[in-house]
Amino acid sequence: MPIAIIDYDDRYAEDAVRMYRASFETALGIDSLHPFENHVNWLRTILVPNATVKLAVDTHSDIVAGLLAVKGVELDQLYIHIDYQRQGIGTRFMQMAKQLSPSKLELWCFQVNAGAQRFYEKHGFTVIGRGDGSDNEEGLPDLRYQWFR
């Protein structure tokens, strides 16, 4: 499966949101809190104008295999399609994120997402803080990670 990493292209907006929601729901074991249309609107009007957004696209099937969003030093979003995980896409995204913010990166990760924690720690991130869930809309405890060059 050849995967191309491209700048955000709005023709993939709905597919990207479907991928994001499925990955999120599988990793956390909860349903999305927002309607699909709200997520598409959020992607188009909030995330894309305020972050560098990249998509991973399977060039054979035109499936959105991943999404990366970086805002300054904040790794804001990194989601991989559940059928494309553990194929190196996340690592490619992480390399891009480190190039976009070469001195450091920070991110939040839900404590229930053990797979993401292993991924971030494998890529040099360390826990610098913990939250009890009162600061996120899901109400789930989370971890603050940081990476320094």
Protein backbone atom coordinates (compact mmCIF):
# COMPACT_ATOMS: atom_id res chain seq x y z
CA MET A 1 0.00 0.00 0.00
CA PRO A 2 1.84 3.12 -1.14
CA ILE A 3 1.05 6.02 1.17
CA ALA A 4 1.48 9.63 0.11
CA ILE A 5 1.77 12.36 2.73
CA ILE A 6 0.08 15.47 1.35
CA ASP A 7 -0.88 18.94 2.52
CA TYR A 8 -4.49 19.08 3.65
CA ASP A 9 -6.89 18.90 0.70
CA ASP A 10 -10.52 19.75 1.45
CA ARG A 11 -11.83 17.09 -0.94
CA TYR A 12 -10.76 14.62 1.79
CA ALA A 13 -12.50 16.46 4.65
CA GLU A 14 -15.32 13.99 5.24
CA ASP A 15 -13.08 10.94 4.79
CA ALA A 16 -10.55 12.44 7.21
CA VAL A 17 -13.26 12.99 9.81
CA ARG A 18 -14.59 9.44 9.39
CA MET A 19 -11.07 8.10 9.89
CA TYR A 20 -10.45 10.38 12.88
CA ARG A 21 -13.70 9.40 14.60
CA ALA A 22 -13.18 5.65 14.07
CA SER A 23 -9.61 5.82 15.35
CA PHE A 24 -10.64 7.96 18.34
CA GLU A 25 -13.58 5.75 19.26
CA THR A 26 -11.55 2.53 18.94
CA ALA A 27 -8.62 3.86 20.99
CA LEU A 28 -10.75 5.33 23.79
CA GLY A 29 -13.69 2.93 23.81
CA ILE A 30 -16.20 5.80 23.77
CA ASP A 31 -18.41 7.37 21.11
CA SER A 32 -17.57 10.78 19.72
CA LEU A 33 -19.26 13.57 21.65
CA HIS A 34 -20.05 15.63 18.54
CA PRO A 35 -22.15 15.04 15.44
CA PHE A 36 -20.25 14.21 12.25
CA GLU A 37 -21.15 17.54 10.61
CA ASN A 38 -19.71 19.45 13.58
CA HIS A 39 -16.42 17.60 13.22
CA VAL A 40 -16.22 18.44 9.52
CA ASN A 41 -16.91 22.10 10.35
CA TRP A 42 -14.25 22.03 13.11
CA LEU A 43 -11.70 20.57 10.67
CA ARG A 44 -12.41 23.18 8.00
CA THR A 45 -12.91 26.31 10.11
CA ILE A 46 -10.79 25.78 13.22
CA LEU A 47 -8.09 23.16 12.73
CA VAL A 48 -6.97 23.82 9.14
CA PRO A 49 -6.74 27.64 9.43
CA ASN A 50 -4.77 27.41 12.68
CA ALA A 51 -2.40 24.48 12.16
CA THR A 52 -0.19 22.77 9.63
CA VAL A 53 -2.34 19.81 8.60
CA LYS A 54 -1.08 16.81 6.64
CA LEU A 55 -2.97 13.79 5.39
CA ALA A 56 -1.71 10.29 4.65
CA VAL A 57 -3.53 8.93 1.61
CA ASP A 58 -3.38 5.42 0.18
CA THR A 59 -2.58 6.13 -3.47
CA HIS A 60 -4.20 2.90 -4.68
CA SER A 61 -7.53 3.20 -2.89
CA ASP A 62 -7.62 6.97 -2.19
CA ILE A 63 -8.39 6.16 1.46
CA VAL A 64 -7.34 8.69 4.11
CA ALA A 65 -4.96 6.65 6.23
CA GLY A 66 -3.94 9.35 8.69
CA LEU A 67 -4.09 12.95 9.84
CA LEU A 68 -1.44 15.12 11.47
CA ALA A 69 -1.91 18.67 12.80
CA VAL A 70 0.85 20.75 14.38
CA LYS A 71 0.34 24.22 15.90
CA GLY A 72 3.71 25.71 16.82
CA VAL A 73 5.12 23.38 19.49
CA GLU A 74 1.78 21.60 19.98
CA LEU A 75 1.27 18.26 18.29
CA ASP A 76 -2.48 18.85 18.17
CA GLN A 77 -3.72 15.80 16.27
CA LEU A 78 -2.18 12.51 15.16
CA TYR A 79 -4.64 9.84 14.09
CA ILE A 80 -4.09 6.77 11.95
CA HIS A 81 -6.86 4.76 10.24
CA ILE A 82 -7.43 1.58 12.25
CA ASP A 83 -6.63 -0.59 9.21
CA TYR A 84 -3.33 1.23 8.58
CA GLN A 85 -1.84 1.25 12.08
CA ARG A 86 1.62 -0.20 12.74
CA GLN A 87 2.71 0.34 9.12
CA GLY A 88 5.05 3.29 9.70
CA ILE A 89 2.62 6.12 8.93
CA GLY A 90 2.68 7.42 12.49
CA THR A 91 6.48 7.39 12.46
CA ARG A 92 6.52 9.35 9.20
CA PHE A 93 4.09 11.86 10.72
CA MET A 94 6.23 12.12 13.86
CA GLN A 95 9.33 12.88 11.77
CA MET A 96 7.37 15.62 9.99
CA ALA A 97 6.11 17.05 13.28
CA LYS A 98 9.65 17.20 14.64
CA GLN A 99 10.75 19.04 11.48
CA LEU A 100 7.86 21.51 11.81
CA SER A 101 8.74 22.24 15.44
CA PRO A 102 12.44 21.44 15.64
CA SER A 103 13.21 22.45 19.24
CA LYS A 104 10.35 20.76 21.11
CA LEU A 105 6.87 19.30 20.84
CA GLU A 106 4.13 18.90 23.43
CA LEU A 107 0.86 16.98 23.35
CA TRP A 108 -1.97 15.57 25.43
CA CYS A 109 -2.74 11.84 25.43
CA PHE A 110 -5.61 10.11 27.22
CA GLN A 111 -4.44 7.69 29.90
CA VAL A 112 -6.68 4.93 28.53
CA ASN A 113 -4.81 5.06 25.20
CA ALA A 114 -1.90 2.79 26.11
CA GLY A 115 -0.97 2.23 22.46
CA ALA A 116 -0.49 5.95 21.87
CA GLN A 117 1.53 6.25 25.07
CA ARG A 118 3.91 3.51 23.88
CA PHE A 119 4.18 5.21 20.49
CA TYR A 120 5.02 8.63 21.94
CA GLU A 121 7.50 7.23 24.44
CA LYS A 122 9.18 5.22 21.67
CA HIS A 123 9.64 8.53 19.84
CA GLY A 124 11.35 10.22 22.78
CA PHE A 125 8.43 11.89 24.57
CA THR A 126 8.33 11.99 28.36
CA VAL A 127 5.41 12.67 30.69
CA ILE A 128 5.60 16.15 32.20
CA GLY A 129 2.12 16.39 33.69
CA ARG A 130 -1.13 14.64 34.44
CA GLY A 131 -4.75 15.74 34.23
CA ASP A 132 -7.79 14.32 35.98
CA GLY A 133 -10.12 14.86 33.02
CA SER A 134 -11.66 18.08 34.30
CA ASP A 135 -9.93 20.07 31.53
CA ASN A 136 -11.12 18.00 28.55
CA GLU A 137 -14.63 17.51 27.23
CA GLU A 138 -14.40 13.72 27.36
CA GLY A 139 -13.81 13.88 31.13
CA LEU A 140 -10.98 11.34 30.83
CA PRO A 141 -7.68 11.53 32.74
CA ASP A 142 -4.82 12.49 30.45
CA LEU A 143 -1.07 12.88 30.26
CA ARG A 144 0.99 15.85 29.08
CA TYR A 145 3.97 14.75 27.00
CA GLN A 146 7.01 16.69 25.83
CA TRP A 147 9.86 16.04 23.43
CA PHE A 148 13.09 18.07 23.23
CA ARG A 149 15.69 17.87 20.48
